[in-house]
Amino acid sequence: MNFAAYGDRTTMNMIAAIGESTLRLLEISGRFGVFLVTCIYNMLKPPYKVMPVVRQIRFIGAHSLFVILFTGLFTGMVLSLQGYYTLAKFGSVGFLGAAVSLSLIRELGPVLAALMVIGRAGSAICAEVGIMRNSEQIDALECMAIDPYKYLIVPKLVAGLIAMPLLTCIFDVVGIFGGFMVGVELFDVSAGAYFQGMYSSVVWQDIEMGLVKSLVFGLLLVWICAAKGFYLHLERGGGFGAEGVSRTTTGAVVLASVSVLVWDYLISAIML
């Protein structure tokens, strides 16, 4: 057996696989970039219709309210619980309000709210657009001279940019209240110390960071989930059928969640 020739073939196959993966990654990145630019162009181009945006705000925002309230409450409670035992070791329980509020406003509020909305609304957006592509409804819109970007994607994108900051603010407020319940009612921390620590430590830059993150996350979740569904027919392995829609939706949720975590770090590194 010619081991040298076998080794050369293995090396060439490995190089070919790396090249193929790189080209596919560049193709997908370019496709997603064109999708985003096209959506932004159509978002700025008249006519502007309000009711489709209102319906999407109701779907993305109002229908996600329960999970945001529930998650925010228990996130604030567990932050207060863990923070109390940590601060008590240093005799600094008076800073509990500052620790809970800063953690929520700068970091956990935008990230966890975005992850919850991705799981509830982002998956539904991808599945909806993917099924429309699968059943050729998007092709039918194009045949009727209706721009699918303007008709389908732009209202979702605008709604995501509006709803995510509002949901993040609600998450933060409920989380701070949950921390107050545990810290003040359970561990008998002074209510005045809790709110005074929060008042003296939270500045506008902290709120600004949370709002910027929520805007970026709102853009990311609609962009990625809608684009995955829109390009369902170009997915590797075939995106048609129920299995293709489910596989694409799962990939969209994973990609959007990872993107939120990556951009969370990048924004924090830029704005700190």
Protein backbone atom coordinates (compact mmCIF):
# COMPACT_ATOMS: atom_id res chain seq x y z
CA MET A 1 0.00 0.00 0.00
CA ASN A 2 1.39 3.39 -0.98
CA PHE A 3 1.10 5.32 2.30
CA ALA A 4 2.59 8.48 0.77
CA ALA A 5 -0.10 8.64 -1.91
CA TYR A 6 -2.80 7.88 0.68
CA GLY A 7 -1.48 10.68 2.90
CA ASP A 8 -1.44 13.10 -0.03
CA ARG A 9 -5.05 12.25 -0.90
CA THR A 10 -6.11 12.72 2.72
CA THR A 11 -4.38 16.11 2.89
CA MET A 12 -5.97 17.24 -0.37
CA ASN A 13 -9.41 16.08 0.77
CA MET A 14 -8.97 18.00 4.01
CA ILE A 15 -7.91 21.16 2.15
CA ALA A 16 -10.85 20.76 -0.24
CA ALA A 17 -13.27 20.37 2.68
CA ILE A 18 -11.89 23.49 4.37
CA GLY A 19 -12.15 25.45 1.12
CA GLU A 20 -15.71 24.27 0.53
CA SER A 21 -16.75 25.24 4.07
CA THR A 22 -15.09 28.66 3.71
CA LEU A 23 -16.82 29.35 0.40
CA ARG A 24 -20.18 28.27 1.83
CA LEU A 25 -19.67 30.50 4.87
CA LEU A 26 -18.88 33.46 2.62
CA GLU A 27 -21.94 32.70 0.49
CA ILE A 28 -24.25 32.57 3.52
CA SER A 29 -22.73 35.74 5.00
CA GLY A 30 -23.20 37.60 1.73
CA ARG A 31 -26.77 36.33 1.40
CA PHE A 32 -27.64 37.47 4.92
CA GLY A 33 -25.94 40.83 4.32
CA VAL A 34 -27.92 41.44 1.14
CA PHE A 35 -31.10 40.42 2.98
CA LEU A 36 -30.46 42.98 5.75
CA VAL A 37 -29.58 45.80 3.35
CA THR A 38 -32.69 45.08 1.28
CA CYS A 39 -34.87 45.11 4.41
CA ILE A 40 -33.42 48.42 5.62
CA TYR A 41 -33.88 49.97 2.16
CA ASN A 42 -37.52 48.86 2.06
CA MET A 43 -38.02 50.06 5.65
CA LEU A 44 -36.95 53.58 4.66
CA LYS A 45 -38.86 53.59 1.36
CA PRO A 46 -42.49 54.86 1.36
CA PRO A 47 -45.32 54.04 1.68
CA TYR A 48 -45.29 53.49 5.43
CA LYS A 49 -48.02 51.25 6.80
CA VAL A 50 -48.66 51.32 10.55
CA MET A 51 -51.12 48.50 11.14
CA PRO A 52 -48.83 45.63 10.02
CA VAL A 53 -46.19 46.97 12.42
CA VAL A 54 -48.74 47.22 15.24
CA ARG A 55 -49.80 43.60 14.66
CA GLN A 56 -46.19 42.45 14.80
CA ILE A 57 -45.54 44.49 17.97
CA ARG A 58 -48.51 42.71 19.50
CA PHE A 59 -47.10 39.35 18.42
CA ILE A 60 -43.46 39.93 19.39
CA GLY A 61 -44.03 42.20 22.39
CA ALA A 62 -47.42 41.73 24.04
CA HIS A 63 -47.53 37.97 23.54
CA SER A 64 -44.04 37.67 25.08
CA LEU A 65 -45.01 39.68 28.15
CA PHE A 66 -45.83 36.72 30.40
CA VAL A 67 -42.54 34.93 29.84
CA ILE A 68 -40.65 38.22 30.31
CA LEU A 69 -42.43 38.95 33.60
CA PHE A 70 -41.92 35.41 34.89
CA THR A 71 -38.25 35.21 33.87
CA GLY A 72 -37.46 38.73 35.09
CA LEU A 73 -39.03 38.13 38.50
CA PHE A 74 -37.10 34.95 39.22
CA THR A 75 -33.87 36.32 37.73
CA GLY A 76 -34.02 39.26 40.15
CA MET A 77 -34.88 36.91 43.03
CA VAL A 78 -31.95 34.59 42.40
CA LEU A 79 -29.59 37.54 41.89
CA SER A 80 -30.65 38.94 45.23
CA LEU A 81 -30.34 35.53 46.89
CA GLN A 82 -26.84 34.89 45.60
CA GLY A 83 -25.79 38.51 46.02
CA TYR A 84 -26.86 38.63 49.66
CA TYR A 85 -24.74 35.63 50.65
CA THR A 86 -21.76 36.99 48.72
CA LEU A 87 -22.01 40.54 50.13
CA ALA A 88 -22.69 39.28 53.66
CA LYS A 89 -19.20 37.75 53.73
CA PHE A 90 -17.76 41.25 53.36
CA GLY A 91 -20.33 43.06 55.50
CA SER A 92 -21.66 44.97 52.48
CA VAL A 93 -25.31 43.93 52.26
CA GLY A 94 -26.19 47.60 51.85
CA PHE A 95 -24.90 47.35 48.27
CA LEU A 96 -27.40 44.63 47.38
CA GLY A 97 -29.64 47.02 45.45
CA ALA A 98 -26.67 48.29 43.44
CA ALA A 99 -25.51 44.76 42.61
CA VAL A 100 -28.96 43.58 41.48
CA SER A 101 -29.82 46.69 39.47
CA LEU A 102 -26.46 46.94 37.68
CA SER A 103 -26.43 43.25 36.82
CA LEU A 104 -29.92 43.48 35.35
CA ILE A 105 -29.67 46.81 33.54
CA ARG A 106 -26.26 46.31 31.96
CA GLU A 107 -26.17 42.59 31.29
CA LEU A 108 -28.83 40.09 32.28
CA GLY A 109 -31.89 42.13 31.34
CA PRO A 110 -31.12 42.61 27.63
CA VAL A 111 -29.56 39.15 27.18
CA LEU A 112 -32.19 37.04 28.92
CA ALA A 113 -35.07 39.04 27.45
CA ALA A 114 -33.62 38.54 23.97
CA LEU A 115 -33.13 34.80 24.53
CA MET A 116 -36.71 34.43 25.75
CA VAL A 117 -38.09 36.35 22.75
CA ILE A 118 -35.96 34.29 20.36
CA GLY A 119 -37.38 31.10 21.81
CA ARG A 120 -40.97 32.32 21.67
CA ALA A 121 -41.24 34.76 18.75
CA GLY A 122 -38.05 34.17 16.75
CA SER A 123 -38.83 30.50 16.19
CA ALA A 124 -42.37 31.40 15.11
CA ILE A 125 -41.08 34.03 12.66
CA CYS A 126 -38.69 31.55 11.07
CA ALA A 127 -41.35 28.85 10.84
CA GLU A 128 -43.94 31.26 9.40
CA VAL A 129 -41.66 32.62 6.68
CA GLY A 130 -40.24 29.15 6.03
CA ILE A 131 -43.67 27.62 5.53
CA MET A 132 -44.59 30.47 3.19
CA ARG A 133 -41.45 29.74 1.18
CA ASN A 134 -42.14 26.01 1.32
CA SER A 135 -45.71 26.43 0.03
CA GLU A 136 -44.58 28.95 -2.64
CA GLN A 137 -46.58 31.81 -1.11
CA ILE A 138 -43.54 34.10 -1.37
CA ASP A 139 -43.21 33.25 -5.05
CA ALA A 140 -46.91 34.05 -5.45
CA LEU A 141 -46.36 37.48 -3.88
CA GLU A 142 -43.59 38.19 -6.36
CA CYS A 143 -45.82 37.08 -9.23
CA MET A 144 -48.44 39.62 -8.04
CA ALA A 145 -45.75 42.35 -8.01
CA ILE A 146 -45.85 42.54 -4.18
CA ASP A 147 -42.42 43.01 -2.63
CA PRO A 148 -42.06 40.19 -0.04
CA TYR A 149 -39.48 42.19 1.89
CA LYS A 150 -41.82 45.17 2.27
CA TYR A 151 -44.88 43.04 2.91
CA LEU A 152 -43.47 40.31 5.18
CA ILE A 153 -40.13 41.22 6.71
CA VAL A 154 -40.12 45.00 7.27
CA PRO A 155 -43.06 45.04 9.74
CA LYS A 156 -41.34 42.31 11.77
CA LEU A 157 -38.03 44.18 11.73
CA VAL A 158 -39.56 47.48 12.85
CA ALA A 159 -41.60 45.70 15.53
CA GLY A 160 -38.49 43.95 16.84
CA LEU A 161 -36.64 47.27 17.12
CA ILE A 162 -39.57 48.78 19.05
CA ALA A 163 -40.60 45.81 21.20
CA MET A 164 -37.21 44.59 22.44
CA PRO A 165 -36.22 47.79 24.33
CA LEU A 166 -39.68 47.92 25.92
CA LEU A 167 -39.52 44.26 26.97
CA THR A 168 -36.01 44.79 28.33
CA CYS A 169 -37.16 47.74 30.47
CA ILE A 170 -40.04 45.64 31.83
CA PHE A 171 -37.63 42.79 32.53
CA ASP A 172 -35.33 45.14 34.46
CA VAL A 173 -38.11 46.68 36.55
CA VAL A 174 -39.64 43.31 37.44
CA GLY A 175 -36.20 41.90 38.20
CA ILE A 176 -35.38 44.75 40.56
CA PHE A 177 -38.73 44.21 42.28
CA GLY A 178 -37.94 40.48 42.62
CA GLY A 179 -34.59 41.35 44.17
CA PHE A 180 -36.38 43.72 46.55
CA MET A 181 -38.77 40.95 47.62
CA VAL A 182 -35.95 38.56 48.50
CA GLY A 183 -33.50 41.09 49.94
CA VAL A 184 -35.89 43.23 51.97
CA GLU A 185 -38.73 40.87 52.81
CA LEU A 186 -36.74 37.65 53.23
CA PHE A 187 -33.34 38.76 54.49
CA ASP A 188 -34.50 41.97 56.22
CA VAL A 189 -32.19 44.29 54.30
CA SER A 190 -33.15 47.93 54.77
CA ALA A 191 -35.47 49.08 51.99
CA GLY A 192 -33.87 52.52 52.08
CA ALA A 193 -30.39 51.02 51.71
CA TYR A 194 -31.57 48.84 48.81
CA PHE A 195 -32.98 51.75 46.79
CA GLN A 196 -30.28 54.22 47.85
CA GLY A 197 -27.58 51.84 46.64
CA MET A 198 -29.39 51.51 43.34
CA TYR A 199 -29.89 55.27 43.06
CA SER A 200 -26.25 56.10 43.78
CA SER A 201 -24.70 53.44 41.53
CA VAL A 202 -26.86 53.40 38.37
CA VAL A 203 -25.97 56.16 35.92
CA TRP A 204 -27.21 57.01 32.45
CA GLN A 205 -24.32 55.14 30.79
CA ASP A 206 -25.58 51.89 32.34
CA ILE A 207 -29.11 52.46 31.03
CA GLU A 208 -27.72 53.48 27.63
CA MET A 209 -25.73 50.26 27.38
CA GLY A 210 -28.83 48.18 28.14
CA LEU A 211 -30.89 50.06 25.55
CA VAL A 212 -28.22 49.75 22.85
CA LYS A 213 -27.95 46.02 23.51
CA SER A 214 -31.71 45.56 23.34
CA LEU A 215 -31.88 47.41 20.00
CA VAL A 216 -29.08 45.31 18.52
CA PHE A 217 -30.61 42.10 19.86
CA GLY A 218 -34.02 43.04 18.44
CA LEU A 219 -32.41 43.55 15.04
CA LEU A 220 -30.45 40.30 15.27
CA LEU A 221 -33.34 38.07 16.25
CA VAL A 222 -35.67 39.25 13.46
CA TRP A 223 -32.90 39.42 10.87
CA ILE A 224 -31.51 35.94 11.48
CA CYS A 225 -34.81 34.14 12.04
CA ALA A 226 -36.55 35.78 9.07
CA ALA A 227 -33.57 35.26 6.76
CA LYS A 228 -33.28 31.57 7.67
CA GLY A 229 -36.94 31.09 6.83
CA PHE A 230 -36.75 33.24 3.68
CA TYR A 231 -33.83 31.21 2.29
CA LEU A 232 -35.27 27.88 3.37
CA HIS A 233 -34.99 26.47 -0.15
CA LEU A 234 -31.24 27.14 -0.21
CA GLU A 235 -30.47 25.24 3.00
CA ARG A 236 -27.96 22.43 2.76
CA GLY A 237 -29.64 19.03 2.59
CA GLY A 238 -32.88 20.55 1.30
CA GLY A 239 -35.22 22.70 3.32
CA PHE A 240 -38.51 21.47 1.92
CA GLY A 241 -41.09 19.53 3.88
CA ALA A 242 -41.91 19.51 7.56
CA GLU A 243 -38.49 18.15 8.46
CA GLY A 244 -36.76 20.96 6.55
CA VAL A 245 -38.82 23.63 8.28
CA SER A 246 -38.15 22.17 11.73
CA ARG A 247 -34.41 21.83 11.02
CA THR A 248 -34.18 25.39 9.71
CA THR A 249 -36.13 26.76 12.68
CA THR A 250 -33.84 24.97 15.13
CA GLY A 251 -30.79 26.34 13.32
CA ALA A 252 -32.24 29.86 13.38
CA VAL A 253 -32.85 29.74 17.15
CA VAL A 254 -29.34 28.44 17.81
CA LEU A 255 -27.67 30.96 15.50
CA ALA A 256 -29.67 33.90 16.88
CA SER A 257 -28.94 32.89 20.49
CA VAL A 258 -25.21 32.54 19.85
CA SER A 259 -25.19 35.87 17.98
CA VAL A 260 -26.82 37.57 20.96
CA LEU A 261 -24.10 36.28 23.29
CA VAL A 262 -21.31 37.28 20.90
CA TRP A 263 -22.70 40.77 20.35
CA ASP A 264 -23.29 41.14 24.07
CA TYR A 265 -19.55 40.80 24.62
CA LEU A 266 -18.67 43.09 21.70
CA ILE A 267 -20.99 45.88 22.81
CA SER A 268 -19.78 45.59 26.41
CA ALA A 269 -16.16 45.78 25.27
CA ILE A 270 -16.90 48.85 23.12
CA MET A 271 -19.01 50.80 25.59
CA LEU A 272 -17.17 50.08 28.84
